[in-house]
Amino acid sequence: MNAYTPNDVTVVLIVLAGFLAALLSGFAITRIRSVGVGRGTAWLLVVVGVAGIERLTSTQPPGFRMLAIIGVLLYCMKAVVTVETRASGKENLRLLNWFGFAGLWFGMRPTVFARVPRAPRDGANALFWVGVKRLVLGVILVAAARAIWVVPAESVPDMRRRIVATVFLLPGLSLMLHFGAFNMLAAMWRHLGADCRPLFRAPLLSRSLAEFWGQRWNQAFSEMTTLGVYRPLRTCLGTRTATTVAFLFSGLLHELAISVPVKAGFDLPLFYFALHAVAMLIEKRWERVGRPIRAQAWRGRLWTIAWIMIPLPILFHWPFLNGCVWPLLGMETR
């Protein structure tokens, strides 16, 4: 776990202070009356916040750098989506509601926190136990990955064991975090009256990339790119260009979360999302000629899974696996 252990306590304290500053600055930005000024200031906060944290943690282990960069990026982007939401006529959040939305939830729809606390919403208990079950399943997969790696297997080459362990480790981590802890957190907020819903919604059922990215996989990211990039650009650039820019923006954010922490593998996550932008354009063209990929469920799912999985090593490249993922099991190479 050395990849996640900072080597300077002072840096940790400054990072935490930076998180708090990002939250307070974001709240102040949402009070700016001019939409144009608020929008520009919110994006400036993103640039300054991420650049500052990246420089501050430049000598820290990659796992800690990743968490710090993702954290400040998440908090700063809350200001961007809130400014855009207010531009559509929605009311601002009060300070405590802002801290709940911006600091204690991963989704990007500020309106669901406008009337919190209030009467509990339906489904909170069921959602919580779904999260618990998936968290446990994730722990089992991670334990299996650990067993595959540590159990002596002299007849099995190191690289083969590493690959097989990773096949168990990545889904296990996703189940623990995305489908487990996030659902449990959503359930907690539903108990308090916020209309928080699962951010990951049966992605394997997707019959197209549009459905996968837009409705099932990481709704926080989808909401963020839709509110912060796609909608502002659609009116002036058109749907096709706005969609492409939104995917490239997603690639850029994944560069910040994946390549920047390990200082290697640059442009690969961006290339992954550029490929998906092209695939989305192909889907749109098929729809226009009356042959949507989702018309046949098996074909749509095969198409979607192939686009997600085959180029996945481009997204989760070797330096990232070695710097941030494999250290969780002591698998990193020296």
C-alpha atoms as a PDB file:
ATOM      1  CA  MET A   1       0.000   0.000   0.000  1.00  0.00           C
ATOM      2  CA  ASN A   2       3.047   2.286  -0.205  1.00  0.00           C
ATOM      3  CA  ALA A   3       1.540   3.764  -3.359  1.00  0.00           C
ATOM      4  CA  TYR A   4      -1.195   5.251  -1.185  1.00  0.00           C
ATOM      5  CA  THR A   5       0.915   6.276   1.805  1.00  0.00           C
ATOM      6  CA  PRO A   6       2.015   9.927   1.570  1.00  0.00           C
ATOM      7  CA  ASN A   7       5.570  10.663   2.606  1.00  0.00           C
ATOM      8  CA  ASP A   8       4.817  14.097   4.054  1.00  0.00           C
ATOM      9  CA  VAL A   9       2.067  14.818   6.581  1.00  0.00           C
ATOM     10  CA  THR A  10       2.223  18.508   5.739  1.00  0.00           C
ATOM     11  CA  VAL A  11       1.221  17.754   2.153  1.00  0.00           C
ATOM     12  CA  VAL A  12      -1.775  15.779   3.404  1.00  0.00           C
ATOM     13  CA  LEU A  13      -2.940  18.701   5.522  1.00  0.00           C
ATOM     14  CA  ILE A  14      -2.519  21.128   2.639  1.00  0.00           C
ATOM     15  CA  VAL A  15      -4.454  18.809   0.313  1.00  0.00           C
ATOM     16  CA  LEU A  16      -7.313  18.624   2.816  1.00  0.00           C
ATOM     17  CA  ALA A  17      -7.242  22.413   3.141  1.00  0.00           C
ATOM     18  CA  GLY A  18      -7.348  22.601  -0.651  1.00  0.00           C
ATOM     19  CA  PHE A  19     -10.459  20.417  -0.712  1.00  0.00           C
ATOM     20  CA  LEU A  20     -12.172  22.714   1.781  1.00  0.00           C
ATOM     21  CA  ALA A  21     -11.090  25.787  -0.198  1.00  0.00           C
ATOM     22  CA  ALA A  22     -12.513  24.250  -3.382  1.00  0.00           C
ATOM     23  CA  LEU A  23     -15.859  23.625  -1.677  1.00  0.00           C
ATOM     24  CA  LEU A  24     -16.075  27.134  -0.223  1.00  0.00           C
ATOM     25  CA  SER A  25     -14.938  28.751  -3.473  1.00  0.00           C
ATOM     26  CA  GLY A  26     -17.452  26.695  -5.415  1.00  0.00           C
ATOM     27  CA  PHE A  27     -20.264  27.846  -3.153  1.00  0.00           C
ATOM     28  CA  ALA A  28     -19.200  31.483  -3.615  1.00  0.00           C
ATOM     29  CA  ILE A  29     -19.077  31.034  -7.397  1.00  0.00           C
ATOM     30  CA  THR A  30     -22.650  29.742  -7.474  1.00  0.00           C
ATOM     31  CA  ARG A  31     -23.697  33.097  -5.985  1.00  0.00           C
ATOM     32  CA  ILE A  32     -22.322  35.103  -8.912  1.00  0.00           C
ATOM     33  CA  ARG A  33     -25.304  36.628 -10.696  1.00  0.00           C
ATOM     34  CA  SER A  34     -23.846  36.773 -14.192  1.00  0.00           C
ATOM     35  CA  VAL A  35     -23.988  33.338 -15.812  1.00  0.00           C
ATOM     36  CA  GLY A  36     -21.041  34.163 -18.076  1.00  0.00           C
ATOM     37  CA  VAL A  37     -18.842  35.341 -15.217  1.00  0.00           C
ATOM     38  CA  GLY A  38     -19.913  32.421 -13.044  1.00  0.00           C
ATOM     39  CA  ARG A  39     -19.200  29.938 -15.824  1.00  0.00           C
ATOM     40  CA  GLY A  40     -15.748  31.368 -16.487  1.00  0.00           C
ATOM     41  CA  THR A  41     -14.881  31.526 -12.801  1.00  0.00           C
ATOM     42  CA  ALA A  42     -16.039  27.956 -12.215  1.00  0.00           C
ATOM     43  CA  TRP A  43     -13.820  26.643 -15.008  1.00  0.00           C
ATOM     44  CA  LEU A  44     -10.939  28.746 -13.691  1.00  0.00           C
ATOM     45  CA  LEU A  45     -11.435  27.057 -10.323  1.00  0.00           C
ATOM     46  CA  VAL A  46     -11.153  23.658 -12.030  1.00  0.00           C
ATOM     47  CA  VAL A  47      -7.895  24.577 -13.771  1.00  0.00           C
ATOM     48  CA  VAL A  48      -6.299  26.245 -10.750  1.00  0.00           C
ATOM     49  CA  GLY A  49      -7.477  23.564  -8.316  1.00  0.00           C
ATOM     50  CA  VAL A  50      -6.261  20.593 -10.347  1.00  0.00           C
ATOM     51  CA  ALA A  51      -2.978  22.249 -11.335  1.00  0.00           C
ATOM     52  CA  GLY A  52      -2.318  23.266  -7.747  1.00  0.00           C
ATOM     53  CA  ILE A  53      -2.960  19.815  -6.301  1.00  0.00           C
ATOM     54  CA  GLU A  54      -0.932  18.166  -9.051  1.00  0.00           C
ATOM     55  CA  ARG A  55       2.080  20.373  -8.318  1.00  0.00           C
ATOM     56  CA  LEU A  56       1.662  19.999  -4.573  1.00  0.00           C
ATOM     57  CA  THR A  57       1.679  16.190  -4.776  1.00  0.00           C
ATOM     58  CA  SER A  58       4.343  15.885  -7.485  1.00  0.00           C
ATOM     59  CA  THR A  59       6.730  14.036  -5.145  1.00  0.00           C
ATOM     60  CA  GLN A  60       4.065  11.847  -3.528  1.00  0.00           C
ATOM     61  CA  PRO A  61       3.261   8.200  -4.382  1.00  0.00           C
ATOM     62  CA  PRO A  62       0.983   7.721  -7.418  1.00  0.00           C
ATOM     63  CA  GLY A  63      -1.978   6.264  -5.501  1.00  0.00           C
ATOM     64  CA  PHE A  64      -2.129   9.250  -3.179  1.00  0.00           C
ATOM     65  CA  ARG A  65      -1.705  11.613  -6.146  1.00  0.00           C
ATOM     66  CA  MET A  66      -4.602   9.920  -7.921  1.00  0.00           C
ATOM     67  CA  LEU A  67      -6.953  10.298  -4.949  1.00  0.00           C
ATOM     68  CA  ALA A  68      -5.933  13.927  -4.413  1.00  0.00           C
ATOM     69  CA  ILE A  69      -6.394  14.889  -8.069  1.00  0.00           C
ATOM     70  CA  ILE A  70      -9.735  13.087  -8.379  1.00  0.00           C
ATOM     71  CA  GLY A  71     -10.949  14.667  -5.137  1.00  0.00           C
ATOM     72  CA  VAL A  72     -10.210  18.262  -6.078  1.00  0.00           C
ATOM     73  CA  LEU A  73     -11.490  17.695  -9.619  1.00  0.00           C
ATOM     74  CA  LEU A  74     -14.766  16.340  -8.259  1.00  0.00           C
ATOM     75  CA  TYR A  75     -15.228  19.269  -5.886  1.00  0.00           C
ATOM     76  CA  CYS A  76     -14.364  21.904  -8.478  1.00  0.00           C
ATOM     77  CA  MET A  77     -16.644  20.399 -11.125  1.00  0.00           C
ATOM     78  CA  LYS A  78     -19.530  20.711  -8.666  1.00  0.00           C
ATOM     79  CA  ALA A  79     -19.318  24.474  -9.155  1.00  0.00           C
ATOM     80  CA  VAL A  80     -19.426  24.069 -12.951  1.00  0.00           C
ATOM     81  CA  VAL A  81     -22.578  21.926 -12.981  1.00  0.00           C
ATOM     82  CA  THR A  82     -24.294  24.112 -10.379  1.00  0.00           C
ATOM     83  CA  VAL A  83     -23.675  27.250 -12.418  1.00  0.00           C
ATOM     84  CA  GLU A  84     -25.104  25.536 -15.491  1.00  0.00           C
ATOM     85  CA  THR A  85     -28.109  24.280 -13.511  1.00  0.00           C
ATOM     86  CA  ARG A  86     -28.796  27.775 -12.193  1.00  0.00           C
ATOM     87  CA  ALA A  87     -28.561  29.103 -15.763  1.00  0.00           C
ATOM     88  CA  SER A  88     -31.546  26.897 -16.623  1.00  0.00           C
ATOM     89  CA  GLY A  89     -33.630  28.623 -13.968  1.00  0.00           C
ATOM     90  CA  LYS A  90     -33.145  26.346 -10.953  1.00  0.00           C
ATOM     91  CA  GLU A  91     -32.612  27.794  -7.491  1.00  0.00           C
ATOM     92  CA  ASN A  92     -29.289  27.845  -5.653  1.00  0.00           C
ATOM     93  CA  LEU A  93     -28.530  25.498  -2.784  1.00  0.00           C
ATOM     94  CA  ARG A  94     -28.162  26.750   0.758  1.00  0.00           C
ATOM     95  CA  LEU A  95     -24.729  26.345   2.367  1.00  0.00           C
ATOM     96  CA  LEU A  96     -25.418  23.084   4.223  1.00  0.00           C
ATOM     97  CA  ASN A  97     -27.193  21.607   1.208  1.00  0.00           C
ATOM     98  CA  TRP A  98     -24.235  22.636  -0.940  1.00  0.00           C
ATOM     99  CA  PHE A  99     -21.809  20.805   1.342  1.00  0.00           C
ATOM    100  CA  GLY A 100     -24.029  17.745   1.222  1.00  0.00           C
ATOM    101  CA  PHE A 101     -24.197  17.789  -2.565  1.00  0.00           C
ATOM    102  CA  ALA A 102     -20.639  18.908  -3.310  1.00  0.00           C
ATOM    103  CA  GLY A 103     -18.759  17.237  -0.488  1.00  0.00           C
ATOM    104  CA  LEU A 104     -20.703  14.105   0.375  1.00  0.00           C
ATOM    105  CA  TRP A 105     -22.212  12.844  -2.887  1.00  0.00           C
ATOM    106  CA  PHE A 106     -20.677  11.806  -6.203  1.00  0.00           C
ATOM    107  CA  GLY A 107     -23.653  12.640  -8.432  1.00  0.00           C
ATOM    108  CA  MET A 108     -23.848  15.885 -10.378  1.00  0.00           C
ATOM    109  CA  ARG A 109     -27.503  16.954 -10.054  1.00  0.00           C
ATOM    110  CA  PRO A 110     -27.636  19.707  -7.433  1.00  0.00           C
ATOM    111  CA  THR A 111     -31.438  19.996  -7.636  1.00  0.00           C
ATOM    112  CA  VAL A 112     -31.943  16.739  -5.713  1.00  0.00           C
ATOM    113  CA  PHE A 113     -30.465  18.433  -2.615  1.00  0.00           C
ATOM    114  CA  ALA A 114     -32.653  21.542  -2.754  1.00  0.00           C
ATOM    115  CA  ARG A 115     -35.166  20.398  -0.103  1.00  0.00           C
ATOM    116  CA  VAL A 116     -33.030  18.186   2.133  1.00  0.00           C
ATOM    117  CA  PRO A 117     -33.729  17.090   4.810  1.00  0.00           C
ATOM    118  CA  ARG A 118     -37.267  15.946   4.179  1.00  0.00           C
ATOM    119  CA  ALA A 119     -39.355  12.769   4.444  1.00  0.00           C
ATOM    120  CA  PRO A 120     -37.440   9.591   3.492  1.00  0.00           C
ATOM    121  CA  ARG A 121     -37.860   8.384  -0.067  1.00  0.00           C
ATOM    122  CA  ASP A 122     -38.984   4.924  -1.100  1.00  0.00           C
ATOM    123  CA  GLY A 123     -36.466   2.189  -1.711  1.00  0.00           C
ATOM    124  CA  ALA A 124     -33.722   3.380   0.623  1.00  0.00           C
ATOM    125  CA  ASN A 125     -33.486   0.158   2.644  1.00  0.00           C
ATOM    126  CA  ALA A 126     -33.597  -2.086  -0.422  1.00  0.00           C
ATOM    127  CA  LEU A 127     -30.909  -0.020  -2.117  1.00  0.00           C
ATOM    128  CA  PHE A 128     -28.712  -0.197   0.970  1.00  0.00           C
ATOM    129  CA  TRP A 129     -28.825  -3.987   1.094  1.00  0.00           C
ATOM    130  CA  VAL A 130     -28.173  -4.239  -2.628  1.00  0.00           C
ATOM    131  CA  GLY A 131     -25.058  -2.188  -1.985  1.00  0.00           C
ATOM    132  CA  VAL A 132     -24.023  -4.448   0.886  1.00  0.00           C
ATOM    133  CA  LYS A 133     -24.404  -7.590  -1.236  1.00  0.00           C
ATOM    134  CA  ARG A 134     -22.362  -6.152  -4.076  1.00  0.00           C
ATOM    135  CA  LEU A 135     -19.733  -4.887  -1.670  1.00  0.00           C
ATOM    136  CA  VAL A 136     -19.361  -8.395  -0.252  1.00  0.00           C
ATOM    137  CA  LEU A 137     -19.163  -9.883  -3.756  1.00  0.00           C
ATOM    138  CA  GLY A 138     -16.469  -7.357  -4.608  1.00  0.00           C
ATOM    139  CA  VAL A 139     -14.497  -8.303  -1.501  1.00  0.00           C
ATOM    140  CA  ILE A 140     -14.702 -11.972  -2.554  1.00  0.00           C
ATOM    141  CA  LEU A 141     -13.346 -11.162  -6.035  1.00  0.00           C
ATOM    142  CA  VAL A 142     -10.514  -9.070  -4.608  1.00  0.00           C
ATOM    143  CA  ALA A 143      -9.687 -11.887  -2.182  1.00  0.00           C
ATOM    144  CA  ALA A 144      -9.650 -14.308  -5.115  1.00  0.00           C
ATOM    145  CA  ALA A 145      -7.269 -12.017  -6.976  1.00  0.00           C
ATOM    146  CA  ARG A 146      -5.023 -11.915  -3.929  1.00  0.00           C
ATOM    147  CA  ALA A 147      -5.081 -15.695  -3.641  1.00  0.00           C
ATOM    148  CA  ILE A 148      -4.199 -16.113  -7.310  1.00  0.00           C
ATOM    149  CA  TRP A 149      -1.207 -13.831  -6.847  1.00  0.00           C
ATOM    150  CA  VAL A 150       0.202 -15.024  -3.511  1.00  0.00           C
ATOM    151  CA  VAL A 151      -0.406 -18.768  -3.698  1.00  0.00           C
ATOM    152  CA  PRO A 152       2.770 -20.422  -4.990  1.00  0.00           C
ATOM    153  CA  ALA A 153       2.374 -21.527  -8.568  1.00  0.00           C
ATOM    154  CA  GLU A 154       5.826 -22.243  -9.916  1.00  0.00           C
ATOM    155  CA  SER A 155       4.409 -23.823 -13.058  1.00  0.00           C
ATOM    156  CA  VAL A 156       2.448 -20.667 -13.927  1.00  0.00           C
ATOM    157  CA  PRO A 157       4.454 -17.740 -15.329  1.00  0.00           C
ATOM    158  CA  ASP A 158       4.369 -14.515 -13.334  1.00  0.00           C
ATOM    159  CA  MET A 159       2.766 -12.546 -16.169  1.00  0.00           C
ATOM    160  CA  ARG A 160      -0.037 -15.042 -16.594  1.00  0.00           C
ATOM    161  CA  ARG A 161      -0.853 -14.949 -12.875  1.00  0.00           C
ATOM    162  CA  ARG A 162      -0.735 -11.167 -12.968  1.00  0.00           C
ATOM    163  CA  ILE A 163      -3.225 -11.011 -15.834  1.00  0.00           C
ATOM    164  CA  VAL A 164      -5.634 -13.499 -14.255  1.00  0.00           C
ATOM    165  CA  ALA A 165      -5.442 -11.720 -10.890  1.00  0.00           C
ATOM    166  CA  THR A 166      -6.185  -8.405 -12.602  1.00  0.00           C
ATOM    167  CA  VAL A 167      -9.246  -9.903 -14.301  1.00  0.00           C
ATOM    168  CA  PHE A 168     -10.632 -10.590 -10.807  1.00  0.00           C
ATOM    169  CA  LEU A 169      -9.253  -7.452  -9.166  1.00  0.00           C
ATOM    170  CA  LEU A 170     -10.749  -4.770 -11.441  1.00  0.00           C
ATOM    171  CA  PRO A 171     -14.356  -6.047 -11.321  1.00  0.00           C
ATOM    172  CA  GLY A 172     -13.942  -6.641  -7.589  1.00  0.00           C
ATOM    173  CA  LEU A 173     -12.870  -3.062  -6.953  1.00  0.00           C
ATOM    174  CA  SER A 174     -15.720  -1.781  -9.129  1.00  0.00           C
ATOM    175  CA  LEU A 175     -18.277  -3.869  -7.245  1.00  0.00           C
ATOM    176  CA  MET A 176     -16.935  -2.646  -3.913  1.00  0.00           C
ATOM    177  CA  LEU A 177     -16.929   1.018  -4.870  1.00  0.00           C
ATOM    178  CA  HIS A 178     -19.292   1.716  -7.771  1.00  0.00           C
ATOM    179  CA  PHE A 179     -21.988  -0.855  -7.048  1.00  0.00           C
ATOM    180  CA  GLY A 180     -21.457  -1.265  -3.311  1.00  0.00           C
ATOM    181  CA  ALA A 181     -20.359   1.832  -1.423  1.00  0.00           C
ATOM    182  CA  PHE A 182     -22.017   4.259  -3.868  1.00  0.00           C
ATOM    183  CA  ASN A 183     -25.375   2.488  -3.534  1.00  0.00           C
ATOM    184  CA  MET A 184     -25.087   2.504   0.242  1.00  0.00           C
ATOM    185  CA  LEU A 185     -24.339   6.225   0.162  1.00  0.00           C
ATOM    186  CA  ALA A 186     -27.302   6.826  -2.155  1.00  0.00           C
ATOM    187  CA  ALA A 187     -29.493   4.899   0.294  1.00  0.00           C
ATOM    188  CA  MET A 188     -28.317   7.118   3.150  1.00  0.00           C
ATOM    189  CA  TRP A 189     -29.262  10.250   1.234  1.00  0.00           C
ATOM    190  CA  ARG A 190     -32.635   8.761   0.278  1.00  0.00           C
ATOM    191  CA  HIS A 191     -33.300   8.303   4.000  1.00  0.00           C
ATOM    192  CA  LEU A 192     -32.718  12.050   4.323  1.00  0.00           C
ATOM    193  CA  GLY A 193     -35.073  12.836   1.448  1.00  0.00           C
ATOM    194  CA  ALA A 194     -32.650  13.432  -1.431  1.00  0.00           C
ATOM    195  CA  ASP A 195     -33.638  11.747  -4.691  1.00  0.00           C
ATOM    196  CA  CYS A 196     -30.224  10.086  -5.068  1.00  0.00           C
ATOM    197  CA  ARG A 197     -30.260   7.033  -7.298  1.00  0.00           C
ATOM    198  CA  PRO A 198     -27.710   4.376  -8.250  1.00  0.00           C
ATOM    199  CA  LEU A 199     -24.946   5.890 -10.352  1.00  0.00           C
ATOM    200  CA  PHE A 200     -24.223   2.542 -12.039  1.00  0.00           C
ATOM    201  CA  ARG A 201     -27.334   0.862 -13.446  1.00  0.00           C
ATOM    202  CA  ALA A 202     -26.894  -2.667 -14.814  1.00  0.00           C
ATOM    203  CA  PRO A 203     -24.345  -1.676 -17.498  1.00  0.00           C
ATOM    204  CA  LEU A 204     -24.164  -5.207 -18.919  1.00  0.00           C
ATOM    205  CA  LEU A 205     -27.721  -4.779 -20.192  1.00  0.00           C
ATOM    206  CA  SER A 206     -26.700  -1.906 -22.493  1.00  0.00           C
ATOM    207  CA  ARG A 207     -27.685  -2.453 -26.121  1.00  0.00           C
ATOM    208  CA  SER A 208     -25.660   0.475 -27.456  1.00  0.00           C
ATOM    209  CA  LEU A 209     -22.798   2.703 -26.439  1.00  0.00           C
ATOM    210  CA  ALA A 210     -25.258   5.588 -26.185  1.00  0.00           C
ATOM    211  CA  GLU A 211     -27.237   3.616 -23.609  1.00  0.00           C
ATOM    212  CA  PHE A 212     -24.086   2.499 -21.784  1.00  0.00           C
ATOM    213  CA  TRP A 213     -22.550   5.958 -21.399  1.00  0.00           C
ATOM    214  CA  GLY A 214     -25.748   7.951 -21.161  1.00  0.00           C
ATOM    215  CA  GLN A 215     -27.994   5.816 -18.959  1.00  0.00           C
ATOM    216  CA  ARG A 216     -26.124   3.008 -17.230  1.00  0.00           C
ATOM    217  CA  TRP A 217     -22.414   3.600 -16.569  1.00  0.00           C
ATOM    218  CA  ASN A 218     -21.296   6.289 -14.104  1.00  0.00           C
ATOM    219  CA  GLN A 219     -24.248   8.644 -14.200  1.00  0.00           C
ATOM    220  CA  ALA A 220     -22.208  11.189 -12.222  1.00  0.00           C
ATOM    221  CA  PHE A 221     -19.786  11.453 -15.133  1.00  0.00           C
ATOM    222  CA  SER A 222     -22.612  11.496 -17.662  1.00  0.00           C
ATOM    223  CA  GLU A 223     -24.414  14.260 -15.760  1.00  0.00           C
ATOM    224  CA  MET A 224     -21.188  16.241 -15.441  1.00  0.00           C
ATOM    225  CA  THR A 225     -20.295  16.150 -19.129  1.00  0.00           C
ATOM    226  CA  THR A 226     -23.903  16.762 -20.168  1.00  0.00           C
ATOM    227  CA  LEU A 227     -24.384  19.800 -17.917  1.00  0.00           C
ATOM    228  CA  GLY A 228     -20.869  21.209 -18.107  1.00  0.00           C
ATOM    229  CA  VAL A 229     -19.909  20.545 -21.740  1.00  0.00           C
ATOM    230  CA  TYR A 230     -22.568  19.046 -24.003  1.00  0.00           C
ATOM    231  CA  ARG A 231     -25.534  21.348 -23.355  1.00  0.00           C
ATOM    232  CA  PRO A 232     -23.570  24.645 -23.412  1.00  0.00           C
ATOM    233  CA  LEU A 233     -21.927  23.639 -26.718  1.00  0.00           C
ATOM    234  CA  ARG A 234     -24.890  22.004 -28.439  1.00  0.00           C
ATOM    235  CA  THR A 235     -26.641  25.269 -29.288  1.00  0.00           C
ATOM    236  CA  CYS A 236     -23.612  26.783 -31.009  1.00  0.00           C
ATOM    237  CA  LEU A 237     -21.768  23.724 -32.367  1.00  0.00           C
ATOM    238  CA  GLY A 238     -24.550  21.242 -33.031  1.00  0.00           C
ATOM    239  CA  THR A 239     -25.257  17.837 -31.549  1.00  0.00           C
ATOM    240  CA  ARG A 240     -22.547  15.885 -33.369  1.00  0.00           C
ATOM    241  CA  THR A 241     -19.690  18.225 -32.515  1.00  0.00           C
ATOM    242  CA  ALA A 242     -20.894  18.711 -28.945  1.00  0.00           C
ATOM    243  CA  THR A 243     -20.998  14.931 -28.469  1.00  0.00           C
ATOM    244  CA  THR A 244     -17.467  14.549 -29.798  1.00  0.00           C
ATOM    245  CA  VAL A 245     -16.144  17.329 -27.585  1.00  0.00           C
ATOM    246  CA  ALA A 246     -17.882  15.791 -24.559  1.00  0.00           C
ATOM    247  CA  PHE A 247     -16.137  12.467 -25.185  1.00  0.00           C
ATOM    248  CA  LEU A 248     -12.769  14.150 -25.662  1.00  0.00           C
ATOM    249  CA  PHE A 249     -13.369  16.057 -22.436  1.00  0.00           C
ATOM    250  CA  SER A 250     -14.064  12.729 -20.716  1.00  0.00           C
ATOM    251  CA  GLY A 251     -10.780  11.470 -22.107  1.00  0.00           C
ATOM    252  CA  LEU A 252      -8.983  14.511 -20.735  1.00  0.00           C
ATOM    253  CA  LEU A 253     -10.445  13.960 -17.264  1.00  0.00           C
ATOM    254  CA  HIS A 254      -9.355  10.329 -17.376  1.00  0.00           C
ATOM    255  CA  GLU A 255      -5.865  11.495 -18.325  1.00  0.00           C
ATOM    256  CA  LEU A 256      -5.884  13.538 -15.117  1.00  0.00           C
ATOM    257  CA  ALA A 257      -7.090  10.569 -13.066  1.00  0.00           C
ATOM    258  CA  ILE A 258      -5.046   7.801 -14.709  1.00  0.00           C
ATOM    259  CA  SER A 259      -1.952   9.080 -16.531  1.00  0.00           C
ATOM    260  CA  VAL A 260      -1.042  12.185 -14.533  1.00  0.00           C
ATOM    261  CA  PRO A 261      -0.758  10.393 -11.156  1.00  0.00           C
ATOM    262  CA  VAL A 262       1.777   7.909 -12.572  1.00  0.00           C
ATOM    263  CA  LYS A 263       3.398  10.443 -14.927  1.00  0.00           C
ATOM    264  CA  ALA A 264       3.188   8.010 -17.833  1.00  0.00           C
ATOM    265  CA  GLY A 265       0.799   6.602 -20.430  1.00  0.00           C
ATOM    266  CA  PHE A 266      -0.225  10.041 -21.641  1.00  0.00           C
ATOM    267  CA  ASP A 267      -2.737  10.239 -24.511  1.00  0.00           C
ATOM    268  CA  LEU A 268      -3.893   6.619 -24.114  1.00  0.00           C
ATOM    269  CA  PRO A 269      -7.073   7.354 -22.090  1.00  0.00           C
ATOM    270  CA  LEU A 270      -7.809  10.238 -24.460  1.00  0.00           C
ATOM    271  CA  PHE A 271      -7.422   7.856 -27.407  1.00  0.00           C
ATOM    272  CA  TYR A 272      -9.819   5.377 -25.757  1.00  0.00           C
ATOM    273  CA  PHE A 273     -12.555   7.996 -25.540  1.00  0.00           C
ATOM    274  CA  ALA A 274     -11.776   9.278 -29.024  1.00  0.00           C
ATOM    275  CA  LEU A 275     -12.446   5.745 -30.291  1.00  0.00           C
ATOM    276  CA  HIS A 276     -15.772   5.790 -28.474  1.00  0.00           C
ATOM    277  CA  ALA A 277     -16.649   9.157 -29.973  1.00  0.00           C
ATOM    278  CA  VAL A 278     -16.161   7.615 -33.422  1.00  0.00           C
ATOM    279  CA  ALA A 279     -18.220   4.559 -32.443  1.00  0.00           C
ATOM    280  CA  MET A 280     -21.016   6.817 -31.187  1.00  0.00           C
ATOM    281  CA  LEU A 281     -21.071   8.651 -34.529  1.00  0.00           C
ATOM    282  CA  ILE A 282     -21.378   5.286 -36.280  1.00  0.00           C
ATOM    283  CA  GLU A 283     -24.318   4.418 -34.031  1.00  0.00           C
ATOM    284  CA  LYS A 284     -25.995   7.726 -34.834  1.00  0.00           C
ATOM    285  CA  ARG A 285     -25.554   7.118 -38.552  1.00  0.00           C
ATOM    286  CA  TRP A 286     -27.121   3.670 -38.293  1.00  0.00           C
ATOM    287  CA  GLU A 287     -30.058   5.218 -36.470  1.00  0.00           C
ATOM    288  CA  ARG A 288     -30.541   7.826 -39.190  1.00  0.00           C
ATOM    289  CA  VAL A 289     -30.755   5.141 -41.882  1.00  0.00           C
ATOM    290  CA  GLY A 290     -33.227   3.098 -39.825  1.00  0.00           C
ATOM    291  CA  ARG A 291     -30.842   0.362 -38.635  1.00  0.00           C
ATOM    292  CA  PRO A 292     -30.208   1.098 -34.938  1.00  0.00           C
ATOM    293  CA  ILE A 293     -27.747  -1.237 -33.271  1.00  0.00           C
ATOM    294  CA  ARG A 294     -30.107  -1.679 -30.305  1.00  0.00           C
ATOM    295  CA  ALA A 295     -32.838  -3.169 -32.518  1.00  0.00           C
ATOM    296  CA  GLN A 296     -31.455  -6.647 -31.807  1.00  0.00           C
ATOM    297  CA  ALA A 297     -30.537  -7.030 -28.158  1.00  0.00           C
ATOM    298  CA  TRP A 298     -27.805  -9.648 -28.653  1.00  0.00           C
ATOM    299  CA  ARG A 299     -26.107  -7.670 -31.396  1.00  0.00           C
ATOM    300  CA  GLY A 300     -26.308  -4.411 -29.473  1.00  0.00           C
ATOM    301  CA  ARG A 301     -24.857  -5.972 -26.335  1.00  0.00           C
ATOM    302  CA  LEU A 302     -22.073  -7.686 -28.257  1.00  0.00           C
ATOM    303  CA  TRP A 303     -21.224  -4.414 -30.002  1.00  0.00           C
ATOM    304  CA  THR A 304     -21.196  -2.498 -26.710  1.00  0.00           C
ATOM    305  CA  ILE A 305     -19.158  -5.053 -24.748  1.00  0.00           C
ATOM    306  CA  ALA A 306     -16.624  -5.318 -27.567  1.00  0.00           C
ATOM    307  CA  TRP A 307     -16.080  -1.552 -27.681  1.00  0.00           C
ATOM    308  CA  ILE A 308     -15.770  -1.366 -23.902  1.00  0.00           C
ATOM    309  CA  MET A 309     -13.552  -4.383 -23.280  1.00  0.00           C
ATOM    310  CA  ILE A 310     -11.262  -4.854 -26.280  1.00  0.00           C
ATOM    311  CA  PRO A 311      -9.516  -1.457 -26.028  1.00  0.00           C
ATOM    312  CA  LEU A 312      -9.680  -1.441 -22.191  1.00  0.00           C
ATOM    313  CA  PRO A 313      -5.875  -1.925 -21.854  1.00  0.00           C
ATOM    314  CA  ILE A 314      -5.534   1.441 -23.604  1.00  0.00           C
ATOM    315  CA  LEU A 315      -7.523   3.089 -20.832  1.00  0.00           C
ATOM    316  CA  PHE A 316      -6.050   1.166 -17.887  1.00  0.00           C
ATOM    317  CA  HIS A 317      -2.525   1.141 -19.240  1.00  0.00           C
ATOM    318  CA  TRP A 318       0.437  -0.670 -17.697  1.00  0.00           C
ATOM    319  CA  PRO A 319       1.936   2.305 -15.797  1.00  0.00           C
ATOM    320  CA  PHE A 320      -1.434   2.974 -14.133  1.00  0.00           C
ATOM    321  CA  LEU A 321      -1.955  -0.666 -13.205  1.00  0.00           C
ATOM    322  CA  ASN A 322       1.574  -0.864 -11.841  1.00  0.00           C
ATOM    323  CA  GLY A 323       1.382   2.438  -9.997  1.00  0.00           C
ATOM    324  CA  CYS A 324      -2.175   2.505  -8.612  1.00  0.00           C
ATOM    325  CA  VAL A 325      -3.969  -0.845  -9.025  1.00  0.00           C
ATOM    326  CA  TRP A 326      -1.471  -3.656  -8.500  1.00  0.00           C
ATOM    327  CA  PRO A 327      -0.033  -2.112  -5.302  1.00  0.00           C
ATOM    328  CA  LEU A 328      -3.387  -2.879  -3.652  1.00  0.00           C
ATOM    329  CA  LEU A 329      -2.329  -6.540  -3.773  1.00  0.00           C
ATOM    330  CA  GLY A 330       1.429  -6.058  -3.646  1.00  0.00           C
ATOM    331  CA  MET A 331       1.699  -6.955  -7.332  1.00  0.00           C
ATOM    332  CA  GLU A 332       3.623  -3.946  -8.616  1.00  0.00           C
ATOM    333  CA  THR A 333       6.862  -4.516 -10.515  1.00  0.00           C
ATOM    334  CA  ARG A 334      10.034  -2.868  -9.336  1.00  0.00           C
END
